[in-house]
Amino acid sequence: MRITVFGGSAPQPGTPAYQEAYTLGSLIGQAGHTVLTGGYIGTMEAVSRGCAEAGGHVIGVTCDEIEGWRPVKPNAWVIEELRLPTIHERLLTLINECEAAFALPGGVGTLAEIAMMWNQMQTTAILARPLILIGAGWQRTFATMASELEAYVPTAHRDLLLLAPDAAAAFALLTER
């Protein structure tokens, strides 16, 4: 299975957030799946490292716009690089090339990734597939959205998002499906 993992660039080695992402990558690799990440630092590096060290295949989806904005190169655990010109093309590739996706904690970019994939499934632009949001932050964010904007987010659309407290629970939720 090809699994995309979204998440922030802030986590550093040795932090709980980095370890959580590493654990998720390791679970993906141990199961023999391929992981797609944004290919750079933070969550992307930790997931890539965990997957590669567990024997899995790592695809880094990188882009010229990000490298023009921030001086960064693909992380050392990227086995295959898919390089694109724009952030938009990068995001669509991460969404379209996966059979399931996880979202670890992150900022505006991660929120955009979740929203775009969720919208693509909601409008049937892509087939529905597991989109599993990991952590209490996403749970609170989307619970607030559902309660405050209930008329705009019907139950059928909310049901496209799966929630898990941590990486292990998220991976177990995927394997149950």
C-alpha atoms as a PDB file:
ATOM      1  CA  MET A   1       0.000   0.000   0.000  1.00  0.00           C
ATOM      2  CA  ARG A   2       1.153   3.548  -0.678  1.00  0.00           C
ATOM      3  CA  ILE A   3       0.595   5.699   2.399  1.00  0.00           C
ATOM      4  CA  THR A   4       1.036   9.470   2.562  1.00  0.00           C
ATOM      5  CA  VAL A   5       2.005  11.070   5.848  1.00  0.00           C
ATOM      6  CA  PHE A   6       1.380  14.787   6.383  1.00  0.00           C
ATOM      7  CA  GLY A   7       2.899  16.694   9.283  1.00  0.00           C
ATOM      8  CA  GLY A   8       4.910  19.682  10.388  1.00  0.00           C
ATOM      9  CA  SER A   9       8.530  20.522   9.729  1.00  0.00           C
ATOM     10  CA  ALA A  10       9.248  21.637  13.315  1.00  0.00           C
ATOM     11  CA  PRO A  11       9.880  18.338  15.187  1.00  0.00           C
ATOM     12  CA  GLN A  12      13.553  17.793  16.004  1.00  0.00           C
ATOM     13  CA  PRO A  13      15.357  14.502  16.731  1.00  0.00           C
ATOM     14  CA  GLY A  14      15.005  13.592  20.380  1.00  0.00           C
ATOM     15  CA  THR A  15      11.609  15.254  20.858  1.00  0.00           C
ATOM     16  CA  PRO A  16       8.362  13.364  21.522  1.00  0.00           C
ATOM     17  CA  ALA A  17       6.836  14.624  18.238  1.00  0.00           C
ATOM     18  CA  TYR A  18       9.822  13.347  16.234  1.00  0.00           C
ATOM     19  CA  GLN A  19       9.659   9.982  18.010  1.00  0.00           C
ATOM     20  CA  GLU A  20       5.931   9.675  17.329  1.00  0.00           C
ATOM     21  CA  ALA A  21       6.533  10.311  13.610  1.00  0.00           C
ATOM     22  CA  TYR A  22       9.460   7.852  13.619  1.00  0.00           C
ATOM     23  CA  THR A  23       7.201   5.220  15.215  1.00  0.00           C
ATOM     24  CA  LEU A  24       4.557   5.718  12.525  1.00  0.00           C
ATOM     25  CA  GLY A  25       7.168   5.406   9.788  1.00  0.00           C
ATOM     26  CA  SER A  26       8.541   2.268  11.398  1.00  0.00           C
ATOM     27  CA  LEU A  27       5.086   0.674  11.552  1.00  0.00           C
ATOM     28  CA  ILE A  28       4.529   1.483   7.873  1.00  0.00           C
ATOM     29  CA  GLY A  29       7.916   0.030   6.893  1.00  0.00           C
ATOM     30  CA  GLN A  30       7.544  -3.108   9.036  1.00  0.00           C
ATOM     31  CA  ALA A  31       4.244  -3.822   7.300  1.00  0.00           C
ATOM     32  CA  GLY A  32       5.950  -3.629   3.900  1.00  0.00           C
ATOM     33  CA  HIS A  33       4.177  -0.473   2.747  1.00  0.00           C
ATOM     34  CA  THR A  34       5.591   2.477   0.829  1.00  0.00           C
ATOM     35  CA  VAL A  35       5.465   5.890   2.481  1.00  0.00           C
ATOM     36  CA  LEU A  36       5.137   9.218   0.699  1.00  0.00           C
ATOM     37  CA  THR A  37       6.158  12.355   2.592  1.00  0.00           C
ATOM     38  CA  GLY A  38       7.060  15.910   1.710  1.00  0.00           C
ATOM     39  CA  GLY A  39      10.660  14.647   1.825  1.00  0.00           C
ATOM     40  CA  TYR A  40      12.304  17.296   3.970  1.00  0.00           C
ATOM     41  CA  ILE A  41      12.739  17.912   7.717  1.00  0.00           C
ATOM     42  CA  GLY A  42      10.761  17.410  10.917  1.00  0.00           C
ATOM     43  CA  THR A  43       7.892  14.961  10.653  1.00  0.00           C
ATOM     44  CA  MET A  44       8.844  14.143   7.077  1.00  0.00           C
ATOM     45  CA  GLU A  45      12.383  13.188   8.105  1.00  0.00           C
ATOM     46  CA  ALA A  46      11.264  11.154  11.122  1.00  0.00           C
ATOM     47  CA  VAL A  47       8.660   9.179   9.148  1.00  0.00           C
ATOM     48  CA  SER A  48      11.120   8.608   6.305  1.00  0.00           C
ATOM     49  CA  ARG A  49      13.813   7.440   8.703  1.00  0.00           C
ATOM     50  CA  GLY A  50      11.491   5.091  10.593  1.00  0.00           C
ATOM     51  CA  CYS A  51      10.180   3.550   7.383  1.00  0.00           C
ATOM     52  CA  ALA A  52      13.597   3.169   5.740  1.00  0.00           C
ATOM     53  CA  GLU A  53      15.197   1.684   8.846  1.00  0.00           C
ATOM     54  CA  ALA A  54      12.327  -0.841   9.035  1.00  0.00           C
ATOM     55  CA  GLY A  55      12.947  -1.900   5.422  1.00  0.00           C
ATOM     56  CA  GLY A  56      10.155   0.089   3.754  1.00  0.00           C
ATOM     57  CA  HIS A  57      10.292   2.188   0.599  1.00  0.00           C
ATOM     58  CA  VAL A  58      10.361   5.985   1.039  1.00  0.00           C
ATOM     59  CA  ILE A  59       9.197   8.432  -1.618  1.00  0.00           C
ATOM     60  CA  GLY A  60       9.949  12.098  -0.974  1.00  0.00           C
ATOM     61  CA  VAL A  61       7.694  14.475  -2.906  1.00  0.00           C
ATOM     62  CA  THR A  62       9.761  17.649  -3.096  1.00  0.00           C
ATOM     63  CA  CYS A  63       9.400  20.922  -4.947  1.00  0.00           C
ATOM     64  CA  ASP A  64      11.304  23.911  -6.271  1.00  0.00           C
ATOM     65  CA  GLU A  65       9.052  26.459  -4.512  1.00  0.00           C
ATOM     66  CA  ILE A  66       9.836  25.088  -1.056  1.00  0.00           C
ATOM     67  CA  GLU A  67      13.570  24.980  -1.728  1.00  0.00           C
ATOM     68  CA  GLY A  68      13.394  28.543  -3.030  1.00  0.00           C
ATOM     69  CA  TRP A  69      11.641  29.632   0.165  1.00  0.00           C
ATOM     70  CA  ARG A  70      13.702  27.637   2.672  1.00  0.00           C
ATOM     71  CA  PRO A  71      17.249  26.358   2.196  1.00  0.00           C
ATOM     72  CA  VAL A  72      16.519  22.637   2.581  1.00  0.00           C
ATOM     73  CA  LYS A  73      17.222  19.474   0.622  1.00  0.00           C
ATOM     74  CA  PRO A  74      15.576  16.023   0.705  1.00  0.00           C
ATOM     75  CA  ASN A  75      16.353  14.107   3.880  1.00  0.00           C
ATOM     76  CA  ALA A  76      18.863  11.244   3.906  1.00  0.00           C
ATOM     77  CA  TRP A  77      16.180   8.532   4.118  1.00  0.00           C
ATOM     78  CA  VAL A  78      14.401   9.422   0.873  1.00  0.00           C
ATOM     79  CA  ILE A  79      14.956   6.473  -1.474  1.00  0.00           C
ATOM     80  CA  GLU A  80      12.983   7.850  -4.429  1.00  0.00           C
ATOM     81  CA  GLU A  81      12.437  11.545  -5.080  1.00  0.00           C
ATOM     82  CA  LEU A  82       9.484  12.919  -7.035  1.00  0.00           C
ATOM     83  CA  ARG A  83      10.455  16.509  -7.733  1.00  0.00           C
ATOM     84  CA  LEU A  84       7.813  19.008  -8.830  1.00  0.00           C
ATOM     85  CA  PRO A  85       7.894  22.736  -9.566  1.00  0.00           C
ATOM     86  CA  THR A  86       5.122  23.957  -7.236  1.00  0.00           C
ATOM     87  CA  ILE A  87       3.661  23.357  -3.789  1.00  0.00           C
ATOM     88  CA  HIS A  88       0.275  22.859  -5.428  1.00  0.00           C
ATOM     89  CA  GLU A  89       1.539  20.046  -7.676  1.00  0.00           C
ATOM     90  CA  ARG A  90       3.355  18.530  -4.700  1.00  0.00           C
ATOM     91  CA  LEU A  91       0.178  18.498  -2.612  1.00  0.00           C
ATOM     92  CA  LEU A  92      -1.906  16.946  -5.375  1.00  0.00           C
ATOM     93  CA  THR A  93       0.733  14.248  -5.884  1.00  0.00           C
ATOM     94  CA  LEU A  94       0.772  13.388  -2.172  1.00  0.00           C
ATOM     95  CA  ILE A  95      -3.024  13.076  -2.278  1.00  0.00           C
ATOM     96  CA  ASN A  96      -3.491  11.352  -5.628  1.00  0.00           C
ATOM     97  CA  GLU A  97      -0.691   8.815  -5.270  1.00  0.00           C
ATOM     98  CA  CYS A  98      -1.789   7.318  -1.948  1.00  0.00           C
ATOM     99  CA  GLU A  99      -4.262   4.679  -0.887  1.00  0.00           C
ATOM    100  CA  ALA A 100      -4.430   6.042   2.667  1.00  0.00           C
ATOM    101  CA  ALA A 101      -3.088   9.060   4.537  1.00  0.00           C
ATOM    102  CA  PHE A 102      -2.116   9.996   8.071  1.00  0.00           C
ATOM    103  CA  ALA A 103      -1.823  13.530   9.420  1.00  0.00           C
ATOM    104  CA  LEU A 104       0.451  14.078  12.399  1.00  0.00           C
ATOM    105  CA  PRO A 105       0.420  17.424  14.225  1.00  0.00           C
ATOM    106  CA  GLY A 106       1.464  20.403  12.127  1.00  0.00           C
ATOM    107  CA  GLY A 107       0.685  23.960  11.184  1.00  0.00           C
ATOM    108  CA  VAL A 108      -0.884  25.788   8.278  1.00  0.00           C
ATOM    109  CA  GLY A 109       0.670  23.518   5.642  1.00  0.00           C
ATOM    110  CA  THR A 110      -0.577  20.366   7.336  1.00  0.00           C
ATOM    111  CA  LEU A 111      -4.037  21.876   7.749  1.00  0.00           C
ATOM    112  CA  ALA A 112      -4.054  22.715   4.028  1.00  0.00           C
ATOM    113  CA  GLU A 113      -3.064  19.125   3.199  1.00  0.00           C
ATOM    114  CA  ILE A 114      -5.869  17.705   5.337  1.00  0.00           C
ATOM    115  CA  ALA A 115      -8.417  20.186   3.964  1.00  0.00           C
ATOM    116  CA  MET A 116      -7.497  19.545   0.336  1.00  0.00           C
ATOM    117  CA  MET A 117      -7.637  15.772   0.657  1.00  0.00           C
ATOM    118  CA  TRP A 118     -10.856  15.926   2.665  1.00  0.00           C
ATOM    119  CA  ASN A 119     -12.425  18.237   0.076  1.00  0.00           C
ATOM    120  CA  GLN A 120     -11.322  16.019  -2.810  1.00  0.00           C
ATOM    121  CA  MET A 121     -13.018  13.033  -1.135  1.00  0.00           C
ATOM    122  CA  GLN A 122     -16.109  15.018  -0.126  1.00  0.00           C
ATOM    123  CA  THR A 123     -16.668  16.154  -3.708  1.00  0.00           C
ATOM    124  CA  THR A 124     -15.791  12.700  -5.077  1.00  0.00           C
ATOM    125  CA  ALA A 125     -12.928  14.169  -7.093  1.00  0.00           C
ATOM    126  CA  ILE A 126     -10.999  11.192  -5.684  1.00  0.00           C
ATOM    127  CA  LEU A 127     -12.248   7.940  -4.243  1.00  0.00           C
ATOM    128  CA  ALA A 128     -12.672   7.997  -0.493  1.00  0.00           C
ATOM    129  CA  ARG A 129      -9.775   6.429   1.358  1.00  0.00           C
ATOM    130  CA  PRO A 130      -8.658   6.440   4.979  1.00  0.00           C
ATOM    131  CA  LEU A 131      -7.577   9.895   6.158  1.00  0.00           C
ATOM    132  CA  ILE A 132      -6.510   9.432   9.762  1.00  0.00           C
ATOM    133  CA  LEU A 133      -5.754  12.477  11.904  1.00  0.00           C
ATOM    134  CA  ILE A 134      -3.419  11.775  14.804  1.00  0.00           C
ATOM    135  CA  GLY A 135      -3.445  13.596  18.124  1.00  0.00           C
ATOM    136  CA  ALA A 136      -5.657  15.597  20.417  1.00  0.00           C
ATOM    137  CA  GLY A 137      -4.975  18.848  18.542  1.00  0.00           C
ATOM    138  CA  TRP A 138      -6.678  17.645  15.360  1.00  0.00           C
ATOM    139  CA  GLN A 139      -9.467  16.053  17.379  1.00  0.00           C
ATOM    140  CA  ARG A 140     -10.230  19.374  19.098  1.00  0.00           C
ATOM    141  CA  THR A 141      -9.836  21.371  15.873  1.00  0.00           C
ATOM    142  CA  PHE A 142     -12.312  19.296  13.914  1.00  0.00           C
ATOM    143  CA  ALA A 143     -14.705  18.847  16.847  1.00  0.00           C
ATOM    144  CA  THR A 144     -14.871  22.641  17.109  1.00  0.00           C
ATOM    145  CA  MET A 145     -15.448  22.952  13.372  1.00  0.00           C
ATOM    146  CA  ALA A 146     -18.231  20.355  13.492  1.00  0.00           C
ATOM    147  CA  SER A 147     -19.929  22.041  16.421  1.00  0.00           C
ATOM    148  CA  GLU A 148     -19.525  25.669  15.329  1.00  0.00           C
ATOM    149  CA  LEU A 149     -20.193  25.078  11.620  1.00  0.00           C
ATOM    150  CA  GLU A 150     -22.490  22.076  11.842  1.00  0.00           C
ATOM    151  CA  ALA A 151     -24.793  23.232   9.030  1.00  0.00           C
ATOM    152  CA  TYR A 152     -21.819  23.392   6.657  1.00  0.00           C
ATOM    153  CA  VAL A 153     -20.225  20.081   7.613  1.00  0.00           C
ATOM    154  CA  PRO A 154     -22.803  17.294   7.440  1.00  0.00           C
ATOM    155  CA  THR A 155     -22.197  13.977   9.176  1.00  0.00           C
ATOM    156  CA  ALA A 156     -21.367  12.219   5.898  1.00  0.00           C
ATOM    157  CA  HIS A 157     -18.487  14.650   5.371  1.00  0.00           C
ATOM    158  CA  ARG A 158     -17.291  14.385   8.984  1.00  0.00           C
ATOM    159  CA  ASP A 159     -17.280  10.605   8.630  1.00  0.00           C
ATOM    160  CA  LEU A 160     -14.556  10.894   5.983  1.00  0.00           C
ATOM    161  CA  LEU A 161     -12.103  11.847   8.756  1.00  0.00           C
ATOM    162  CA  LEU A 162     -10.854   9.201  11.162  1.00  0.00           C
ATOM    163  CA  LEU A 163      -9.297  10.226  14.475  1.00  0.00           C
ATOM    164  CA  ALA A 164      -6.669   8.470  16.560  1.00  0.00           C
ATOM    165  CA  PRO A 165      -4.848   9.529  19.730  1.00  0.00           C
ATOM    166  CA  ASP A 166      -1.386   8.334  18.639  1.00  0.00           C
ATOM    167  CA  ALA A 167       0.594   6.643  15.873  1.00  0.00           C
ATOM    168  CA  ALA A 168       0.070   3.096  17.120  1.00  0.00           C
ATOM    169  CA  ALA A 169      -3.698   3.551  17.374  1.00  0.00           C
ATOM    170  CA  ALA A 170      -3.777   5.205  13.947  1.00  0.00           C
ATOM    171  CA  PHE A 171      -1.894   2.342  12.323  1.00  0.00           C
ATOM    172  CA  ALA A 172      -4.186  -0.186  14.045  1.00  0.00           C
ATOM    173  CA  LEU A 173      -7.199   1.740  12.705  1.00  0.00           C
ATOM    174  CA  LEU A 174      -5.765   1.502   9.186  1.00  0.00           C
ATOM    175  CA  THR A 175      -5.106  -2.229   9.437  1.00  0.00           C
ATOM    176  CA  GLU A 176      -8.674  -2.805  10.675  1.00  0.00           C
ATOM    177  CA  ARG A 177      -9.935  -1.331   7.393  1.00  0.00           C
END
